[in-house]
Amino acid sequence: MANIKELPVQFKSFIIKCKRVWQVLRKPSKKEFAMVAKISAIGIILLGLAGFIISLIVKIAF
């Protein structure tokens, strides 16, 4: 566990790192957003399909 005296230093370091990341962030273009949305949708569909197939196998087997 962290020492009580080190907490302010760790907190300040965390805030500095957060500011650095925040400065690098930018809004994605429509093309980037669409690509991420499509990839996420495909992933969700594949996971749902895998779960459905597993549930069918379990129902049929038992």
PDB file of N, CA and C in Angstrom:
ATOM      1  N   MET A   1       0.846  -1.188   0.000  1.00  0.00           N
ATOM      2  CA  MET A   1       0.000   0.000   0.000  1.00  0.00           C
ATOM      3  C   MET A   1       0.881   1.237   0.000  1.00  0.00           C
ATOM      4  N   ALA A   2       0.433   2.269  -0.680  1.00  0.00           N
ATOM      5  CA  ALA A   2       1.218   3.496  -0.815  1.00  0.00           C
ATOM      6  C   ALA A   2       1.309   4.236   0.514  1.00  0.00           C
ATOM      7  N   ASN A   3       2.441   4.860   0.696  1.00  0.00           N
ATOM      8  CA  ASN A   3       2.663   5.666   1.878  1.00  0.00           C
ATOM      9  C   ASN A   3       1.807   6.937   1.766  1.00  0.00           C
ATOM     10  N   ILE A   4       1.260   7.380   2.894  1.00  0.00           N
ATOM     11  CA  ILE A   4       0.383   8.561   2.913  1.00  0.00           C
ATOM     12  C   ILE A   4       1.113   9.794   2.373  1.00  0.00           C
ATOM     13  N   LYS A   5       2.398   9.924   2.645  1.00  0.00           N
ATOM     14  CA  LYS A   5       3.158  11.091   2.208  1.00  0.00           C
ATOM     15  C   LYS A   5       3.379  11.090   0.696  1.00  0.00           C
ATOM     16  N   GLU A   6       3.310   9.917   0.066  1.00  0.00           N
ATOM     17  CA  GLU A   6       3.541   9.824  -1.375  1.00  0.00           C
ATOM     18  C   GLU A   6       2.280  10.112  -2.195  1.00  0.00           C
ATOM     19  N   LEU A   7       1.115  10.084  -1.568  1.00  0.00           N
ATOM     20  CA  LEU A   7      -0.137  10.253  -2.302  1.00  0.00           C
ATOM     21  C   LEU A   7      -0.234  11.577  -3.060  1.00  0.00           C
ATOM     22  N   PRO A   8       0.117  12.725  -2.463  1.00  0.00           N
ATOM     23  CA  PRO A   8       0.037  13.981  -3.235  1.00  0.00           C
ATOM     24  C   PRO A   8       0.953  13.967  -4.464  1.00  0.00           C
ATOM     25  N   VAL A   9       2.126  13.371  -4.343  1.00  0.00           N
ATOM     26  CA  VAL A   9       3.068  13.305  -5.462  1.00  0.00           C
ATOM     27  C   VAL A   9       2.501  12.403  -6.564  1.00  0.00           C
ATOM     28  N   GLN A  10       1.950  11.267  -6.171  1.00  0.00           N
ATOM     29  CA  GLN A  10       1.362  10.350  -7.144  1.00  0.00           C
ATOM     30  C   GLN A  10       0.160  10.981  -7.832  1.00  0.00           C
ATOM     31  N   PHE A  11      -0.647  11.705  -7.075  1.00  0.00           N
ATOM     32  CA  PHE A  11      -1.818  12.373  -7.643  1.00  0.00           C
ATOM     33  C   PHE A  11      -1.402  13.436  -8.650  1.00  0.00           C
ATOM     34  N   LYS A  12      -0.392  14.216  -8.311  1.00  0.00           N
ATOM     35  CA  LYS A  12       0.101  15.259  -9.209  1.00  0.00           C
ATOM     36  C   LYS A  12       0.652  14.627 -10.489  1.00  0.00           C
ATOM     37  N   SER A  13       1.375  13.540 -10.366  1.00  0.00           N
ATOM     38  CA  SER A  13       1.910  12.837 -11.521  1.00  0.00           C
ATOM     39  C   SER A  13       0.780  12.320 -12.410  1.00  0.00           C
ATOM     40  N   PHE A  14      -0.262  11.791 -11.788  1.00  0.00           N
ATOM     41  CA  PHE A  14      -1.416  11.296 -12.535  1.00  0.00           C
ATOM     42  C   PHE A  14      -2.097  12.426 -13.300  1.00  0.00           C
ATOM     43  N   ILE A  15      -2.262  13.572 -12.666  1.00  0.00           N
ATOM     44  CA  ILE A  15      -2.900  14.732 -13.308  1.00  0.00           C
ATOM     45  C   ILE A  15      -2.068  15.205 -14.496  1.00  0.00           C
ATOM     46  N   ILE A  16      -0.759  15.239 -14.360  1.00  0.00           N
ATOM     47  CA  ILE A  16       0.119  15.655 -15.456  1.00  0.00           C
ATOM     48  C   ILE A  16      -0.008  14.697 -16.635  1.00  0.00           C
ATOM     49  N   LYS A  17      -0.065  13.405 -16.350  1.00  0.00           N
ATOM     50  CA  LYS A  17      -0.220  12.414 -17.420  1.00  0.00           C
ATOM     51  C   LYS A  17      -1.577  12.567 -18.102  1.00  0.00           C
ATOM     52  N   CYS A  18      -2.611  12.830 -17.325  1.00  0.00           N
ATOM     53  CA  CYS A  18      -3.953  13.026 -17.904  1.00  0.00           C
ATOM     54  C   CYS A  18      -3.977  14.242 -18.815  1.00  0.00           C
ATOM     55  N   LYS A  19      -3.341  15.329 -18.402  1.00  0.00           N
ATOM     56  CA  LYS A  19      -3.295  16.540 -19.222  1.00  0.00           C
ATOM     57  C   LYS A  19      -2.570  16.268 -20.533  1.00  0.00           C
ATOM     58  N   ARG A  20      -1.487  15.504 -20.468  1.00  0.00           N
ATOM     59  CA  ARG A  20      -0.716  15.179 -21.668  1.00  0.00           C
ATOM     60  C   ARG A  20      -1.570  14.385 -22.662  1.00  0.00           C
ATOM     61  N   VAL A  21      -2.313  13.413 -22.168  1.00  0.00           N
ATOM     62  CA  VAL A  21      -3.187  12.620 -23.038  1.00  0.00           C
ATOM     63  C   VAL A  21      -4.301  13.493 -23.594  1.00  0.00           C
ATOM     64  N   TRP A  22      -4.878  14.339 -22.779  1.00  0.00           N
ATOM     65  CA  TRP A  22      -5.993  15.190 -23.200  1.00  0.00           C
ATOM     66  C   TRP A  22      -5.572  16.123 -24.334  1.00  0.00           C
ATOM     67  N   GLN A  23      -4.320  16.585 -24.324  1.00  0.00           N
ATOM     68  CA  GLN A  23      -3.831  17.494 -25.360  1.00  0.00           C
ATOM     69  C   GLN A  23      -3.647  16.776 -26.699  1.00  0.00           C
ATOM     70  N   VAL A  24      -3.396  15.478 -26.665  1.00  0.00           N
ATOM     71  CA  VAL A  24      -3.168  14.713 -27.885  1.00  0.00           C
ATOM     72  C   VAL A  24      -4.479  14.276 -28.531  1.00  0.00           C
ATOM     73  N   LEU A  25      -5.545  14.202 -27.743  1.00  0.00           N
ATOM     74  CA  LEU A  25      -6.837  13.739 -28.252  1.00  0.00           C
ATOM     75  C   LEU A  25      -7.360  14.647 -29.359  1.00  0.00           C
ATOM     76  N   ARG A  26      -8.096  14.016 -30.296  1.00  0.00           N
ATOM     77  CA  ARG A  26      -8.760  14.791 -31.341  1.00  0.00           C
ATOM     78  C   ARG A  26     -10.048  14.073 -31.714  1.00  0.00           C
ATOM     79  N   LYS A  27     -10.949  14.803 -32.301  1.00  0.00           N
ATOM     80  CA  LYS A  27     -12.230  14.237 -32.715  1.00  0.00           C
ATOM     81  C   LYS A  27     -12.009  13.397 -33.973  1.00  0.00           C
ATOM     82  N   PRO A  28     -12.556  12.170 -34.004  1.00  0.00           N
ATOM     83  CA  PRO A  28     -12.368  11.341 -35.197  1.00  0.00           C
ATOM     84  C   PRO A  28     -13.181  11.879 -36.379  1.00  0.00           C
ATOM     85  N   SER A  29     -12.673  11.611 -37.579  1.00  0.00           N
ATOM     86  CA  SER A  29     -13.420  12.010 -38.778  1.00  0.00           C
ATOM     87  C   SER A  29     -14.620  11.078 -38.937  1.00  0.00           C
ATOM     88  N   LYS A  30     -15.532  11.450 -39.836  1.00  0.00           N
ATOM     89  CA  LYS A  30     -16.710  10.611 -40.075  1.00  0.00           C
ATOM     90  C   LYS A  30     -16.289   9.232 -40.578  1.00  0.00           C
ATOM     91  N   LYS A  31     -15.261   9.189 -41.416  1.00  0.00           N
ATOM     92  CA  LYS A  31     -14.777   7.920 -41.970  1.00  0.00           C
ATOM     93  C   LYS A  31     -14.213   7.025 -40.856  1.00  0.00           C
ATOM     94  N   GLU A  32     -13.419   7.612 -39.961  1.00  0.00           N
ATOM     95  CA  GLU A  32     -12.856   6.845 -38.832  1.00  0.00           C
ATOM     96  C   GLU A  32     -13.965   6.345 -37.915  1.00  0.00           C
ATOM     97  N   PHE A  33     -14.928   7.204 -37.633  1.00  0.00           N
ATOM     98  CA  PHE A  33     -16.028   6.823 -36.762  1.00  0.00           C
ATOM     99  C   PHE A  33     -16.845   5.689 -37.368  1.00  0.00           C
ATOM    100  N   ALA A  34     -17.119   5.786 -38.664  1.00  0.00           N
ATOM    101  CA  ALA A  34     -17.895   4.746 -39.346  1.00  0.00           C
ATOM    102  C   ALA A  34     -17.153   3.416 -39.319  1.00  0.00           C
ATOM    103  N   MET A  35     -15.833   3.451 -39.512  1.00  0.00           N
ATOM    104  CA  MET A  35     -15.048   2.227 -39.502  1.00  0.00           C
ATOM    105  C   MET A  35     -15.070   1.581 -38.118  1.00  0.00           C
ATOM    106  N   VAL A  36     -14.897   2.364 -37.086  1.00  0.00           N
ATOM    107  CA  VAL A  36     -14.929   1.834 -35.724  1.00  0.00           C
ATOM    108  C   VAL A  36     -16.310   1.279 -35.393  1.00  0.00           C
ATOM    109  N   ALA A  37     -17.357   1.972 -35.826  1.00  0.00           N
ATOM    110  CA  ALA A  37     -18.722   1.502 -35.572  1.00  0.00           C
ATOM    111  C   ALA A  37     -18.979   0.177 -36.281  1.00  0.00           C
ATOM    112  N   LYS A  38     -18.533   0.048 -37.535  1.00  0.00           N
ATOM    113  CA  LYS A  38     -18.717  -1.199 -38.280  1.00  0.00           C
ATOM    114  C   LYS A  38     -17.962  -2.355 -37.626  1.00  0.00           C
ATOM    115  N   ILE A  39     -16.722  -2.119 -37.253  1.00  0.00           N
ATOM    116  CA  ILE A  39     -15.915  -3.173 -36.622  1.00  0.00           C
ATOM    117  C   ILE A  39     -16.540  -3.588 -35.299  1.00  0.00           C
ATOM    118  N   SER A  40     -17.020  -2.627 -34.525  1.00  0.00           N
ATOM    119  CA  SER A  40     -17.667  -2.947 -33.248  1.00  0.00           C
ATOM    120  C   SER A  40     -18.948  -3.746 -33.472  1.00  0.00           C
ATOM    121  N   ALA A  41     -19.733  -3.354 -34.467  1.00  0.00           N
ATOM    122  CA  ALA A  41     -20.978  -4.071 -34.767  1.00  0.00           C
ATOM    123  C   ALA A  41     -20.684  -5.503 -35.201  1.00  0.00           C
ATOM    124  N   ILE A  42     -19.662  -5.685 -36.031  1.00  0.00           N
ATOM    125  CA  ILE A  42     -19.290  -7.036 -36.458  1.00  0.00           C
ATOM    126  C   ILE A  42     -18.863  -7.876 -35.266  1.00  0.00           C
ATOM    127  N   GLY A  43     -18.087  -7.297 -34.361  1.00  0.00           N
ATOM    128  CA  GLY A  43     -17.653  -8.013 -33.164  1.00  0.00           C
ATOM    129  C   GLY A  43     -18.826  -8.417 -32.290  1.00  0.00           C
ATOM    130  N   ILE A  44     -19.769  -7.513 -32.098  1.00  0.00           N
ATOM    131  CA  ILE A  44     -20.944  -7.820 -31.279  1.00  0.00           C
ATOM    132  C   ILE A  44     -21.766  -8.928 -31.917  1.00  0.00           C
ATOM    133  N   ILE A  45     -21.940  -8.851 -33.230  1.00  0.00           N
ATOM    134  CA  ILE A  45     -22.709  -9.886 -33.945  1.00  0.00           C
ATOM    135  C   ILE A  45     -22.012 -11.238 -33.824  1.00  0.00           C
ATOM    136  N   LEU A  46     -20.690 -11.266 -34.005  1.00  0.00           N
ATOM    137  CA  LEU A  46     -19.957 -12.528 -33.904  1.00  0.00           C
ATOM    138  C   LEU A  46     -20.053 -13.131 -32.500  1.00  0.00           C
ATOM    139  N   LEU A  47     -19.940 -12.291 -31.477  1.00  0.00           N
ATOM    140  CA  LEU A  47     -20.063 -12.799 -30.107  1.00  0.00           C
ATOM    141  C   LEU A  47     -21.465 -13.325 -29.836  1.00  0.00           C
ATOM    142  N   GLY A  48     -22.469 -12.610 -30.308  1.00  0.00           N
ATOM    143  CA  GLY A  48     -23.847 -13.067 -30.141  1.00  0.00           C
ATOM    144  C   GLY A  48     -24.093 -14.369 -30.871  1.00  0.00           C
ATOM    145  N   LEU A  49     -23.568 -14.485 -32.087  1.00  0.00           N
ATOM    146  CA  LEU A  49     -23.711 -15.711 -32.865  1.00  0.00           C
ATOM    147  C   LEU A  49     -23.006 -16.877 -32.177  1.00  0.00           C
ATOM    148  N   ALA A  50     -21.817 -16.636 -31.649  1.00  0.00           N
ATOM    149  CA  ALA A  50     -21.090 -17.693 -30.931  1.00  0.00           C
ATOM    150  C   ALA A  50     -21.888 -18.140 -29.709  1.00  0.00           C
ATOM    151  N   GLY A  51     -22.442 -17.215 -28.960  1.00  0.00           N
ATOM    152  CA  GLY A  51     -23.257 -17.558 -27.794  1.00  0.00           C
ATOM    153  C   GLY A  51     -24.496 -18.335 -28.176  1.00  0.00           C
ATOM    154  N   PHE A  52     -25.125 -17.944 -29.278  1.00  0.00           N
ATOM    155  CA  PHE A  52     -26.320 -18.641 -29.749  1.00  0.00           C
ATOM    156  C   PHE A  52     -25.987 -20.073 -30.158  1.00  0.00           C
ATOM    157  N   ILE A  53     -24.885 -20.243 -30.877  1.00  0.00           N
ATOM    158  CA  ILE A  53     -24.474 -21.588 -31.305  1.00  0.00           C
ATOM    159  C   ILE A  53     -24.141 -22.459 -30.102  1.00  0.00           C
ATOM    160  N   ILE A  54     -23.436 -21.897 -29.138  1.00  0.00           N
ATOM    161  CA  ILE A  54     -23.122 -22.654 -27.913  1.00  0.00           C
ATOM    162  C   ILE A  54     -24.390 -23.049 -27.185  1.00  0.00           C
ATOM    163  N   SER A  55     -25.344 -22.125 -27.093  1.00  0.00           N
ATOM    164  CA  SER A  55     -26.609 -22.466 -26.395  1.00  0.00           C
ATOM    165  C   SER A  55     -27.367 -23.550 -27.145  1.00  0.00           C
ATOM    166  N   LEU A  56     -27.356 -23.534 -28.475  1.00  0.00           N
ATOM    167  CA  LEU A  56     -28.004 -24.587 -29.253  1.00  0.00           C
ATOM    168  C   LEU A  56     -27.334 -25.942 -29.016  1.00  0.00           C
ATOM    169  N   ILE A  57     -26.004 -25.931 -28.993  1.00  0.00           N
ATOM    170  CA  ILE A  57     -25.268 -27.172 -28.759  1.00  0.00           C
ATOM    171  C   ILE A  57     -25.579 -27.728 -27.384  1.00  0.00           C
ATOM    172  N   VAL A  58     -25.645 -26.887 -26.382  1.00  0.00           N
ATOM    173  CA  VAL A  58     -25.947 -27.332 -25.025  1.00  0.00           C
ATOM    174  C   VAL A  58     -27.375 -27.874 -24.943  1.00  0.00           C
ATOM    175  N   LYS A  59     -28.322 -27.208 -25.581  1.00  0.00           N
ATOM    176  CA  LYS A  59     -29.718 -27.683 -25.561  1.00  0.00           C
ATOM    177  C   LYS A  59     -29.860 -29.015 -26.279  1.00  0.00           C
ATOM    178  N   ILE A  60     -29.169 -29.183 -27.390  1.00  0.00           N
ATOM    179  CA  ILE A  60     -29.260 -30.421 -28.137  1.00  0.00           C
ATOM    180  C   ILE A  60     -28.535 -31.562 -27.412  1.00  0.00           C
ATOM    181  N   ALA A  61     -27.382 -31.270 -26.838  1.00  0.00           N
ATOM    182  CA  ALA A  61     -26.561 -32.305 -26.196  1.00  0.00           C
ATOM    183  C   ALA A  61     -27.155 -32.766 -24.860  1.00  0.00           C
ATOM    184  N   PHE A  62     -27.820 -31.890 -24.155  1.00  0.00           N
ATOM    185  CA  PHE A  62     -28.325 -32.277 -22.831  1.00  0.00           C
ATOM    186  C   PHE A  62     -29.800 -32.235 -22.854  1.00  0.00           C
TER     187      PHE A  62
END
